[in-house]
Protein backbone atom coordinates (compact mmCIF):
# COMPACT_ATOMS: atom_id res chain seq x y z
CA UNK A 1 18.17 -13.74 -7.01
CA UNK A 2 20.83 -12.95 -4.42
CA UNK A 3 20.10 -11.47 -1.00
CA UNK A 4 21.70 -8.23 -2.17
CA UNK A 5 19.42 -8.12 -5.20
CA UNK A 6 16.38 -8.68 -2.98
CA UNK A 7 17.50 -5.88 -0.64
CA UNK A 8 17.91 -3.49 -3.57
CA UNK A 9 14.46 -4.38 -4.89
CA UNK A 10 12.87 -3.96 -1.46
CA UNK A 11 14.48 -0.55 -1.00
CA UNK A 12 13.31 0.51 -4.47
CA UNK A 13 9.72 -0.45 -3.62
CA UNK A 14 9.97 1.45 -0.32
CA UNK A 15 11.15 4.57 -2.18
CA UNK A 16 8.25 4.20 -4.61
CA UNK A 17 5.82 3.97 -1.71
CA UNK A 18 7.25 7.04 -0.03
CA UNK A 19 7.12 8.99 -3.29
CA UNK A 20 3.50 8.26 -4.09
CA UNK A 21 2.52 8.89 -0.47
CA UNK A 22 4.12 12.35 -0.79
CA UNK A 23 2.17 12.81 -4.01
CA UNK A 24 -1.05 11.96 -2.19
CA UNK A 25 -0.27 14.50 0.53
CA UNK A 26 0.43 17.15 -2.13
CA UNK A 27 -2.82 16.38 -3.92
CA UNK A 28 -4.79 16.69 -0.68
CA UNK A 29 -3.09 20.01 0.07
CA UNK A 30 -4.06 21.48 -3.30
CA UNK A 31 -7.56 19.96 -3.34
CA UNK A 32 -6.69 17.47 -6.06
CA UNK A 33 -9.24 15.06 -7.43
CA UNK A 34 -10.54 12.30 -5.26
CA UNK A 35 -9.65 9.80 -7.96
CA UNK A 36 -6.00 10.84 -7.99
CA UNK A 37 -5.70 10.92 -4.20
CA UNK A 38 -7.23 7.47 -3.76
CA UNK A 39 -4.98 6.12 -6.52
CA UNK A 40 -1.82 7.50 -4.90
CA UNK A 41 -2.84 6.35 -1.41
CA UNK A 42 -3.55 2.84 -2.69
CA UNK A 43 -0.29 2.60 -4.62
CA UNK A 44 1.72 3.71 -1.58
CA UNK A 45 0.25 0.75 0.28
CA UNK A 46 0.60 -1.59 -2.68
CA UNK A 47 4.30 -0.80 -3.15
CA UNK A 48 5.11 -1.61 0.48
CA UNK A 49 3.10 -4.82 0.14
CA UNK A 50 5.28 -5.69 -2.84
CA UNK A 51 8.39 -4.83 -0.82
CA UNK A 52 7.25 -7.14 1.98
CA UNK A 53 6.50 -9.96 -0.43
CA UNK A 54 9.75 -9.49 -2.29
CA UNK A 55 11.61 -9.66 1.03
CA UNK A 56 10.40 -13.26 1.29
CA UNK A 57 10.99 -13.85 -2.41
CA UNK A 58 7.36 -13.90 -3.43
CA UNK A 59 6.19 -11.93 -6.46
CA UNK A 60 2.50 -12.26 -7.36
CA UNK A 61 1.37 -10.98 -10.73
CA UNK A 62 -1.95 -9.40 -9.75
CA UNK A 63 -3.03 -6.90 -7.13
CA UNK A 64 -5.56 -9.23 -5.49
CA UNK A 65 -2.93 -11.95 -5.37
CA UNK A 66 -0.46 -9.62 -3.68
CA UNK A 67 -3.02 -8.58 -1.08
CA UNK A 68 -4.06 -12.17 -0.42
CA UNK A 69 -0.45 -13.30 -0.09
CA UNK A 70 0.31 -10.36 2.23
CA UNK A 71 -2.55 -11.51 4.44
CA UNK A 72 -1.33 -15.11 4.41
CA UNK A 73 2.35 -14.41 4.96
CA UNK A 74 2.19 -11.41 7.31
CA UNK A 75 -1.25 -10.83 8.80
CA UNK A 76 -2.23 -14.40 9.64
CA UNK A 77 1.24 -14.96 11.09
CA UNK A 78 0.80 -11.94 13.37
CA UNK A 79 3.46 -9.71 11.82
CA UNK A 80 0.86 -7.07 10.96
CA UNK A 81 -2.60 -6.50 12.40
CA UNK A 82 -5.95 -7.51 10.97
CA UNK A 83 -6.85 -3.82 11.12
CA UNK A 84 -4.00 -3.05 8.71
CA UNK A 85 -5.29 -5.75 6.40
CA UNK A 86 -8.82 -4.34 6.59
CA UNK A 87 -7.49 -0.86 5.73
CA UNK A 88 -5.61 -2.27 2.74
CA UNK A 89 -8.69 -4.12 1.51
CA UNK A 90 -10.94 -1.04 1.93
CA UNK A 91 -8.56 1.24 0.08
CA UNK A 92 -8.08 -1.36 -2.66
CA UNK A 93 -11.87 -1.60 -3.07
CA UNK A 94 -12.20 2.20 -3.11
CA UNK A 95 -9.62 2.40 -5.87
CA UNK A 96 -11.35 -0.37 -7.80
CA UNK A 97 -14.71 1.39 -7.48
CA UNK A 98 -13.28 4.71 -8.59
CA UNK A 99 -11.22 3.32 -11.46
CA UNK A 100 -13.55 0.62 -12.75
CA UNK A 101 -16.98 1.17 -11.19
CA UNK A 102 -19.96 2.79 -12.80
CA UNK A 103 -19.68 6.53 -13.31
CA UNK A 104 -22.57 7.37 -11.00
CA UNK A 105 -21.68 5.07 -8.10
CA UNK A 106 -18.63 6.51 -6.34
CA UNK A 107 -18.82 10.17 -7.30
CA UNK A 108 -21.62 11.09 -4.89
CA UNK A 109 -20.35 9.10 -1.90
CA UNK A 110 -18.52 11.17 0.72
CA UNK A 111 -14.97 10.08 1.44
CA UNK A 112 -12.65 11.36 4.17
CA UNK A 113 -9.45 11.71 2.19
CA UNK A 114 -7.44 12.83 5.23
CA UNK A 115 -8.42 9.67 7.09
CA UNK A 116 -7.57 7.57 4.04
CA UNK A 117 -4.18 9.24 3.80
CA UNK A 118 -3.53 8.77 7.53
CA UNK A 119 -4.31 5.06 7.34
CA UNK A 120 -1.99 4.68 4.37
CA UNK A 121 0.80 6.61 6.11
CA UNK A 122 0.55 4.37 9.19
CA UNK A 123 0.48 1.26 6.98
CA UNK A 124 3.50 2.33 4.94
CA UNK A 125 5.51 3.24 8.03
CA UNK A 126 4.71 -0.02 9.83
CA UNK A 127 5.72 -2.18 6.88
CA UNK A 128 8.80 -0.07 6.21
CA UNK A 129 9.92 -0.27 9.86
CA UNK A 130 9.46 -4.05 9.85
CA UNK A 131 11.39 -4.52 6.63
CA UNK A 132 14.25 -2.19 7.51
CA UNK A 133 14.67 -3.74 10.95
CA UNK A 134 14.91 -7.15 9.30
CA UNK A 135 17.37 -5.93 6.70
CA UNK A 136 19.66 -4.26 9.22
CA UNK A 137 19.58 -7.37 11.39
CA UNK A 138 20.70 -9.65 8.58
């Protein structure tokens, strides 16, 4: 894959992340379901993780693999903070619990959806800024 192809793919993933983050904001504003909001917040973060990994020509096949590789390639190397990694892991686990957990487990637990959204927005912006600064410098 050429450098141009990689740049196009990275930009596509960044657009996807921005779109689903807007969807999450809209769902919060209209009191959408917790399940839908958590899903959109997680996917905003996941798409920028994919963009970051694709920028270094890595393409894992599974979500856990992408998160693990993001930690290895970006967090452990000091590009992004351990706090960002912890936020990603927490939101991934929340999505897993909501999508695949038992019906009674997550429904009664309180969840601050605004805080979840804010963490995702910060995460998306940080990764986007890093990637775009690297792309404009190349």
